Amino acid sequence: MIMMKRILIITAVLLLGHPAFGATLYDFETGVEGWTFQNYTDSQAISAVAQSSAQAVSGSYSLMGTTHLVPGDANYSKGEVLINRTAANALDLNGLQTSVSVYAPAGAAGTNPSAPNGWQMFFKDTNWKSWYGPWSNMTENAWQSLSVTPGVTSPDFVDSGFDPTKIMVMGVKLGTGDASTGTFDGAIYVDQYSVVPEPASMLLLGSGLIGILGFARKKKA
């Protein structure tokens, strides 16, 4: 029975480390970790990514995006950093809270305080259908936490048929507001891309593990 307990404890630890039960998927401590920048014609505001020690919300590093953001420009009014996990490694994030920390230095929000530049989290499924979350105004010189729950949060834009159980691409978009002013040239930072289960999911998991361990003790008695 001691061996059974050990197996159950190891199983619980492995489950809790799985994305479905809460995990930091990307912290950029080992490099860019597969992330890149968008090169679509209308999304060229970010032209390069790199691991950086200039800013970090946790640990020593974050992902830095080299940025040239120009309000009203057909090519440079928005940009994206993202990772394509491929269809074979798609994630089921339906109903799971997904969060990321972002940092904008002075000037990144633009020169119109009433219409600042902003951020959006986004996803694409294995059929390349897109989901873009709510717009968040940029806060300069501070880390911001963006958070959405695919399948629950009301999106700013979503393709018909988007499947949150087969997410292949995930990323962060920055863009200018409708009345934004002022070009920004500099770097933005992304860190701690995480998935956190809903509290009910954790409660069910914890109750199940306690029940299993209790059964093991009862069998031993």
C-alpha atoms as a PDB file:
ATOM      1  CA  MET A   1       0.000   0.000   0.000  1.00  0.00           C
ATOM      2  CA  ILE A   2       2.946   2.325   0.569  1.00  0.00           C
ATOM      3  CA  MET A   3       3.902   1.830  -3.056  1.00  0.00           C
ATOM      4  CA  MET A   4       0.326   2.612  -4.142  1.00  0.00           C
ATOM      5  CA  LYS A   5       0.388   5.862  -2.164  1.00  0.00           C
ATOM      6  CA  ARG A   6       3.633   6.873  -3.794  1.00  0.00           C
ATOM      7  CA  ILE A   7       2.203   6.167  -7.235  1.00  0.00           C
ATOM      8  CA  LEU A   8      -0.894   8.230  -6.448  1.00  0.00           C
ATOM      9  CA  ILE A   9       1.172  11.166  -5.192  1.00  0.00           C
ATOM     10  CA  ILE A  10       3.412  11.085  -8.278  1.00  0.00           C
ATOM     11  CA  THR A  11       0.311  10.918 -10.491  1.00  0.00           C
ATOM     12  CA  ALA A  12      -1.196  13.926  -8.700  1.00  0.00           C
ATOM     13  CA  VAL A  13       1.988  15.971  -9.189  1.00  0.00           C
ATOM     14  CA  LEU A  14       2.100  15.107 -12.899  1.00  0.00           C
ATOM     15  CA  LEU A  15      -1.556  16.034 -13.350  1.00  0.00           C
ATOM     16  CA  LEU A  16      -1.155  19.342 -11.571  1.00  0.00           C
ATOM     17  CA  GLY A  17       1.743  20.172 -13.889  1.00  0.00           C
ATOM     18  CA  HIS A  18      -0.278  19.454 -17.023  1.00  0.00           C
ATOM     19  CA  PRO A  19      -1.679  22.533 -18.867  1.00  0.00           C
ATOM     20  CA  ALA A  20      -5.212  21.324 -18.205  1.00  0.00           C
ATOM     21  CA  PHE A  21      -4.588  21.641 -14.455  1.00  0.00           C
ATOM     22  CA  GLY A  22      -2.569  24.843 -14.358  1.00  0.00           C
ATOM     23  CA  ALA A  23       0.900  25.619 -15.629  1.00  0.00           C
ATOM     24  CA  THR A  24       3.207  28.341 -16.862  1.00  0.00           C
ATOM     25  CA  LEU A  25       3.590  27.333 -20.473  1.00  0.00           C
ATOM     26  CA  TYR A  26       6.195  29.946 -21.443  1.00  0.00           C
ATOM     27  CA  ASP A  27       8.453  31.998 -19.172  1.00  0.00           C
ATOM     28  CA  PHE A  28      11.302  32.633 -21.667  1.00  0.00           C
ATOM     29  CA  GLU A  29      13.979  31.611 -19.204  1.00  0.00           C
ATOM     30  CA  THR A  30      15.492  29.273 -21.814  1.00  0.00           C
ATOM     31  CA  GLY A  31      15.155  31.534 -24.874  1.00  0.00           C
ATOM     32  CA  VAL A  32      12.298  32.615 -27.139  1.00  0.00           C
ATOM     33  CA  GLU A  33      10.816  29.114 -26.641  1.00  0.00           C
ATOM     34  CA  GLY A  34       9.395  28.879 -30.155  1.00  0.00           C
ATOM     35  CA  TRP A  35       7.793  32.331 -30.245  1.00  0.00           C
ATOM     36  CA  THR A  36       8.101  34.562 -33.303  1.00  0.00           C
ATOM     37  CA  PHE A  37       6.524  37.692 -34.815  1.00  0.00           C
ATOM     38  CA  GLN A  38       3.697  38.067 -37.299  1.00  0.00           C
ATOM     39  CA  ASN A  39       4.735  38.889 -40.878  1.00  0.00           C
ATOM     40  CA  TYR A  40       1.339  39.511 -42.473  1.00  0.00           C
ATOM     41  CA  THR A  41       1.322  42.664 -44.615  1.00  0.00           C
ATOM     42  CA  ASP A  42      -1.106  44.449 -42.285  1.00  0.00           C
ATOM     43  CA  SER A  43       0.626  43.350 -39.052  1.00  0.00           C
ATOM     44  CA  GLN A  44       4.259  44.421 -39.307  1.00  0.00           C
ATOM     45  CA  ALA A  45       4.645  46.639 -36.239  1.00  0.00           C
ATOM     46  CA  ILE A  46       6.835  43.970 -34.591  1.00  0.00           C
ATOM     47  CA  SER A  47       9.817  42.984 -36.711  1.00  0.00           C
ATOM     48  CA  ALA A  48      11.882  40.759 -34.390  1.00  0.00           C
ATOM     49  CA  VAL A  49      11.743  38.864 -31.086  1.00  0.00           C
ATOM     50  CA  ALA A  50      14.499  37.940 -28.665  1.00  0.00           C
ATOM     51  CA  GLN A  51      15.039  36.790 -25.108  1.00  0.00           C
ATOM     52  CA  SER A  52      15.733  39.836 -22.936  1.00  0.00           C
ATOM     53  CA  SER A  53      16.924  40.528 -19.391  1.00  0.00           C
ATOM     54  CA  ALA A  54      15.853  44.195 -19.586  1.00  0.00           C
ATOM     55  CA  GLN A  55      12.446  43.407 -18.053  1.00  0.00           C
ATOM     56  CA  ALA A  56      10.961  40.362 -16.318  1.00  0.00           C
ATOM     57  CA  VAL A  57       7.845  39.945 -14.240  1.00  0.00           C
ATOM     58  CA  SER A  58       9.256  36.738 -12.780  1.00  0.00           C
ATOM     59  CA  GLY A  59      12.635  35.068 -13.169  1.00  0.00           C
ATOM     60  CA  SER A  60      15.386  36.806 -15.136  1.00  0.00           C
ATOM     61  CA  TYR A  61      14.084  36.999 -18.700  1.00  0.00           C
ATOM     62  CA  SER A  62      11.117  37.872 -20.897  1.00  0.00           C
ATOM     63  CA  LEU A  63      10.320  37.957 -24.608  1.00  0.00           C
ATOM     64  CA  MET A  64      11.198  41.279 -26.240  1.00  0.00           C
ATOM     65  CA  GLY A  65       9.511  42.501 -29.416  1.00  0.00           C
ATOM     66  CA  THR A  66      11.241  45.133 -31.558  1.00  0.00           C
ATOM     67  CA  THR A  67       8.437  47.557 -32.364  1.00  0.00           C
ATOM     68  CA  HIS A  68       7.661  50.299 -34.899  1.00  0.00           C
ATOM     69  CA  LEU A  69       4.039  51.280 -34.246  1.00  0.00           C
ATOM     70  CA  VAL A  70       2.438  53.948 -36.462  1.00  0.00           C
ATOM     71  CA  PRO A  71      -1.208  55.054 -36.022  1.00  0.00           C
ATOM     72  CA  GLY A  72      -3.281  54.876 -39.185  1.00  0.00           C
ATOM     73  CA  ASP A  73      -0.619  53.050 -41.189  1.00  0.00           C
ATOM     74  CA  ALA A  74      -1.828  50.099 -43.265  1.00  0.00           C
ATOM     75  CA  ASN A  75       1.255  48.044 -42.395  1.00  0.00           C
ATOM     76  CA  TYR A  76       2.466  49.278 -39.008  1.00  0.00           C
ATOM     77  CA  SER A  77      -0.641  50.095 -36.950  1.00  0.00           C
ATOM     78  CA  LYS A  78      -0.599  46.621 -35.363  1.00  0.00           C
ATOM     79  CA  GLY A  79       1.749  43.741 -34.689  1.00  0.00           C
ATOM     80  CA  GLU A  80       1.755  40.336 -33.020  1.00  0.00           C
ATOM     81  CA  VAL A  81       4.044  37.952 -31.176  1.00  0.00           C
ATOM     82  CA  LEU A  82       2.934  34.333 -31.236  1.00  0.00           C
ATOM     83  CA  ILE A  83       3.765  30.659 -31.100  1.00  0.00           C
ATOM     84  CA  ASN A  84       2.526  27.977 -33.482  1.00  0.00           C
ATOM     85  CA  ARG A  85       2.480  24.736 -31.516  1.00  0.00           C
ATOM     86  CA  THR A  86       1.407  22.782 -34.655  1.00  0.00           C
ATOM     87  CA  ALA A  87      -1.760  20.712 -34.901  1.00  0.00           C
ATOM     88  CA  ALA A  88      -0.109  17.703 -33.257  1.00  0.00           C
ATOM     89  CA  ASN A  89       0.448  19.728 -30.076  1.00  0.00           C
ATOM     90  CA  ALA A  90      -2.816  21.678 -30.016  1.00  0.00           C
ATOM     91  CA  LEU A  91      -4.261  22.416 -26.578  1.00  0.00           C
ATOM     92  CA  ASP A  92      -7.768  22.143 -25.194  1.00  0.00           C
ATOM     93  CA  LEU A  93      -8.184  25.501 -23.422  1.00  0.00           C
ATOM     94  CA  ASN A  94     -11.960  25.535 -23.407  1.00  0.00           C
ATOM     95  CA  GLY A  95     -13.075  27.002 -20.071  1.00  0.00           C
ATOM     96  CA  LEU A  96      -9.515  27.491 -18.814  1.00  0.00           C
ATOM     97  CA  GLN A  97      -8.259  30.909 -17.714  1.00  0.00           C
ATOM     98  CA  THR A  98      -5.294  31.856 -19.876  1.00  0.00           C
ATOM     99  CA  SER A  99      -3.125  34.798 -18.866  1.00  0.00           C
ATOM    100  CA  VAL A 100       0.018  36.651 -19.902  1.00  0.00           C
ATOM    101  CA  SER A 101       1.997  39.605 -18.561  1.00  0.00           C
ATOM    102  CA  VAL A 102       2.925  42.464 -20.906  1.00  0.00           C
ATOM    103  CA  TYR A 103       5.119  45.530 -20.463  1.00  0.00           C
ATOM    104  CA  ALA A 104       5.021  48.798 -22.432  1.00  0.00           C
ATOM    105  CA  PRO A 105       7.731  51.439 -21.874  1.00  0.00           C
ATOM    106  CA  ALA A 106       7.205  55.192 -21.989  1.00  0.00           C
ATOM    107  CA  GLY A 107       5.772  56.312 -25.320  1.00  0.00           C
ATOM    108  CA  ALA A 108       4.289  52.943 -26.281  1.00  0.00           C
ATOM    109  CA  ALA A 109       0.722  53.998 -25.441  1.00  0.00           C
ATOM    110  CA  GLY A 110       0.891  56.914 -27.893  1.00  0.00           C
ATOM    111  CA  THR A 111       0.452  60.633 -27.387  1.00  0.00           C
ATOM    112  CA  ASN A 112      -3.336  60.811 -27.037  1.00  0.00           C
ATOM    113  CA  PRO A 113      -4.248  59.926 -23.409  1.00  0.00           C
ATOM    114  CA  SER A 114      -7.927  59.614 -24.282  1.00  0.00           C
ATOM    115  CA  ALA A 115      -7.212  57.023 -26.998  1.00  0.00           C
ATOM    116  CA  PRO A 116      -4.186  54.960 -25.969  1.00  0.00           C
ATOM    117  CA  ASN A 117      -2.752  52.036 -27.864  1.00  0.00           C
ATOM    118  CA  GLY A 118      -3.668  48.622 -26.524  1.00  0.00           C
ATOM    119  CA  TRP A 119      -3.270  44.861 -26.253  1.00  0.00           C
ATOM    120  CA  GLN A 120      -5.296  41.769 -27.131  1.00  0.00           C
ATOM    121  CA  MET A 121      -4.737  38.078 -26.494  1.00  0.00           C
ATOM    122  CA  PHE A 122      -5.575  35.842 -29.446  1.00  0.00           C
ATOM    123  CA  PHE A 123      -5.801  32.194 -30.480  1.00  0.00           C
ATOM    124  CA  LYS A 124      -6.092  30.206 -33.706  1.00  0.00           C
ATOM    125  CA  ASP A 125      -7.359  26.651 -33.893  1.00  0.00           C
ATOM    126  CA  THR A 126      -6.118  23.802 -36.084  1.00  0.00           C
ATOM    127  CA  ASN A 127      -8.291  25.087 -38.957  1.00  0.00           C
ATOM    128  CA  TRP A 128      -6.751  28.590 -38.656  1.00  0.00           C
ATOM    129  CA  LYS A 129      -9.982  30.068 -37.305  1.00  0.00           C
ATOM    130  CA  SER A 130      -9.228  33.058 -35.056  1.00  0.00           C
ATOM    131  CA  TRP A 131     -10.390  34.341 -31.673  1.00  0.00           C
ATOM    132  CA  TYR A 132      -9.321  37.818 -30.452  1.00  0.00           C
ATOM    133  CA  GLY A 133     -10.077  38.797 -26.887  1.00  0.00           C
ATOM    134  CA  PRO A 134     -11.183  42.127 -25.405  1.00  0.00           C
ATOM    135  CA  TRP A 135      -9.042  45.221 -25.944  1.00  0.00           C
ATOM    136  CA  SER A 136      -6.955  46.404 -22.958  1.00  0.00           C
ATOM    137  CA  ASN A 137      -5.524  49.927 -22.915  1.00  0.00           C
ATOM    138  CA  MET A 138      -1.748  50.069 -22.490  1.00  0.00           C
ATOM    139  CA  THR A 139      -0.273  51.108 -19.177  1.00  0.00           C
ATOM    140  CA  GLU A 140       3.249  52.469 -19.548  1.00  0.00           C
ATOM    141  CA  ASN A 141       6.242  51.561 -17.381  1.00  0.00           C
ATOM    142  CA  ALA A 142       4.407  48.760 -15.585  1.00  0.00           C
ATOM    143  CA  TRP A 143       3.599  45.108 -16.069  1.00  0.00           C
ATOM    144  CA  GLN A 144      -0.022  44.413 -17.003  1.00  0.00           C
ATOM    145  CA  SER A 145      -1.789  41.099 -16.687  1.00  0.00           C
ATOM    146  CA  LEU A 146      -4.086  40.131 -19.553  1.00  0.00           C
ATOM    147  CA  SER A 147      -6.486  37.272 -18.937  1.00  0.00           C
ATOM    148  CA  VAL A 148      -9.195  35.507 -20.948  1.00  0.00           C
ATOM    149  CA  THR A 149     -11.072  32.225 -20.755  1.00  0.00           C
ATOM    150  CA  PRO A 150     -11.618  30.699 -24.214  1.00  0.00           C
ATOM    151  CA  GLY A 151     -15.168  29.487 -24.584  1.00  0.00           C
ATOM    152  CA  VAL A 152     -16.360  31.838 -21.810  1.00  0.00           C
ATOM    153  CA  THR A 153     -14.952  35.347 -22.343  1.00  0.00           C
ATOM    154  CA  SER A 154     -16.807  37.405 -24.945  1.00  0.00           C
ATOM    155  CA  PRO A 155     -14.344  38.016 -27.793  1.00  0.00           C
ATOM    156  CA  ASP A 156     -13.743  41.238 -29.672  1.00  0.00           C
ATOM    157  CA  PHE A 157     -13.647  39.120 -32.836  1.00  0.00           C
ATOM    158  CA  VAL A 158     -14.162  35.429 -33.555  1.00  0.00           C
ATOM    159  CA  ASP A 159     -14.374  33.368 -36.728  1.00  0.00           C
ATOM    160  CA  SER A 160     -17.487  31.227 -37.043  1.00  0.00           C
ATOM    161  CA  GLY A 161     -16.675  27.676 -36.004  1.00  0.00           C
ATOM    162  CA  PHE A 162     -13.618  28.536 -33.878  1.00  0.00           C
ATOM    163  CA  ASP A 163     -12.817  25.515 -31.690  1.00  0.00           C
ATOM    164  CA  PRO A 164     -11.286  26.339 -28.256  1.00  0.00           C
ATOM    165  CA  THR A 165     -10.580  22.637 -27.692  1.00  0.00           C
ATOM    166  CA  LYS A 166      -8.011  22.586 -30.535  1.00  0.00           C
ATOM    167  CA  ILE A 167      -5.879  25.691 -30.047  1.00  0.00           C
ATOM    168  CA  MET A 168      -2.749  25.600 -32.189  1.00  0.00           C
ATOM    169  CA  VAL A 169      -1.585  29.240 -32.178  1.00  0.00           C
ATOM    170  CA  MET A 170      -1.568  31.594 -29.215  1.00  0.00           C
ATOM    171  CA  GLY A 171      -0.209  35.089 -28.971  1.00  0.00           C
ATOM    172  CA  VAL A 172      -0.451  38.748 -28.062  1.00  0.00           C
ATOM    173  CA  LYS A 173      -1.418  41.585 -30.391  1.00  0.00           C
ATOM    174  CA  LEU A 174      -0.643  45.261 -29.899  1.00  0.00           C
ATOM    175  CA  GLY A 175      -2.307  47.942 -31.928  1.00  0.00           C
ATOM    176  CA  THR A 176      -3.195  51.601 -32.189  1.00  0.00           C
ATOM    177  CA  GLY A 177      -6.592  52.892 -31.156  1.00  0.00           C
ATOM    178  CA  ASP A 178      -8.968  54.556 -33.607  1.00  0.00           C
ATOM    179  CA  ALA A 179      -7.808  57.998 -32.467  1.00  0.00           C
ATOM    180  CA  SER A 180      -4.261  57.138 -31.390  1.00  0.00           C
ATOM    181  CA  THR A 181      -1.460  59.555 -32.216  1.00  0.00           C
ATOM    182  CA  GLY A 182       2.320  59.378 -32.047  1.00  0.00           C
ATOM    183  CA  THR A 183       4.711  56.837 -33.569  1.00  0.00           C
ATOM    184  CA  PHE A 184       6.461  54.498 -31.147  1.00  0.00           C
ATOM    185  CA  ASP A 185       9.868  52.972 -31.830  1.00  0.00           C
ATOM    186  CA  GLY A 186      11.208  50.736 -29.090  1.00  0.00           C
ATOM    187  CA  ALA A 187      10.628  47.402 -27.394  1.00  0.00           C
ATOM    188  CA  ILE A 188       7.640  45.733 -25.756  1.00  0.00           C
ATOM    189  CA  TYR A 189       7.899  42.715 -23.450  1.00  0.00           C
ATOM    190  CA  VAL A 190       5.867  39.553 -22.856  1.00  0.00           C
ATOM    191  CA  ASP A 191       6.293  37.134 -19.944  1.00  0.00           C
ATOM    192  CA  GLN A 192       4.662  34.331 -17.939  1.00  0.00           C
ATOM    193  CA  TYR A 193       2.155  32.873 -20.390  1.00  0.00           C
ATOM    194  CA  SER A 194       0.066  30.648 -18.128  1.00  0.00           C
ATOM    195  CA  VAL A 195      -3.040  28.499 -17.992  1.00  0.00           C
ATOM    196  CA  VAL A 196      -5.036  28.303 -14.770  1.00  0.00           C
ATOM    197  CA  PRO A 197      -8.031  25.987 -14.343  1.00  0.00           C
ATOM    198  CA  GLU A 198     -11.328  27.271 -13.088  1.00  0.00           C
ATOM    199  CA  PRO A 199     -11.669  26.869  -9.283  1.00  0.00           C
ATOM    200  CA  ALA A 200     -14.349  24.199  -9.770  1.00  0.00           C
ATOM    201  CA  SER A 201     -11.907  22.098 -11.789  1.00  0.00           C
ATOM    202  CA  MET A 202      -9.306  22.267  -9.039  1.00  0.00           C
ATOM    203  CA  LEU A 203     -11.924  21.412  -6.411  1.00  0.00           C
ATOM    204  CA  LEU A 204     -13.013  18.340  -8.336  1.00  0.00           C
ATOM    205  CA  LEU A 205      -9.414  17.270  -8.853  1.00  0.00           C
ATOM    206  CA  GLY A 206      -8.564  17.760  -5.180  1.00  0.00           C
ATOM    207  CA  SER A 207     -11.675  15.926  -4.011  1.00  0.00           C
ATOM    208  CA  GLY A 208     -10.923  13.034  -6.340  1.00  0.00           C
ATOM    209  CA  LEU A 209      -7.347  12.687  -5.124  1.00  0.00           C
ATOM    210  CA  ILE A 210      -8.385  12.884  -1.480  1.00  0.00           C
ATOM    211  CA  GLY A 211     -10.971  10.188  -2.107  1.00  0.00           C
ATOM    212  CA  ILE A 212      -8.446   7.920  -3.788  1.00  0.00           C
ATOM    213  CA  LEU A 213      -5.893   8.391  -0.993  1.00  0.00           C
ATOM    214  CA  GLY A 214      -8.605   7.807   1.609  1.00  0.00           C
ATOM    215  CA  PHE A 215      -9.575   4.574  -0.154  1.00  0.00           C
ATOM    216  CA  ALA A 216      -5.941   3.475  -0.061  1.00  0.00           C
ATOM    217  CA  ARG A 217      -5.759   4.089   3.711  1.00  0.00           C
ATOM    218  CA  LYS A 218      -9.004   2.201   4.231  1.00  0.00           C
ATOM    219  CA  LYS A 219      -7.721  -0.779   2.263  1.00  0.00           C
ATOM    220  CA  LYS A 220      -4.535  -0.796   4.377  1.00  0.00           C
ATOM    221  CA  ALA A 221      -6.567  -0.839   7.618  1.00  0.00           C
END
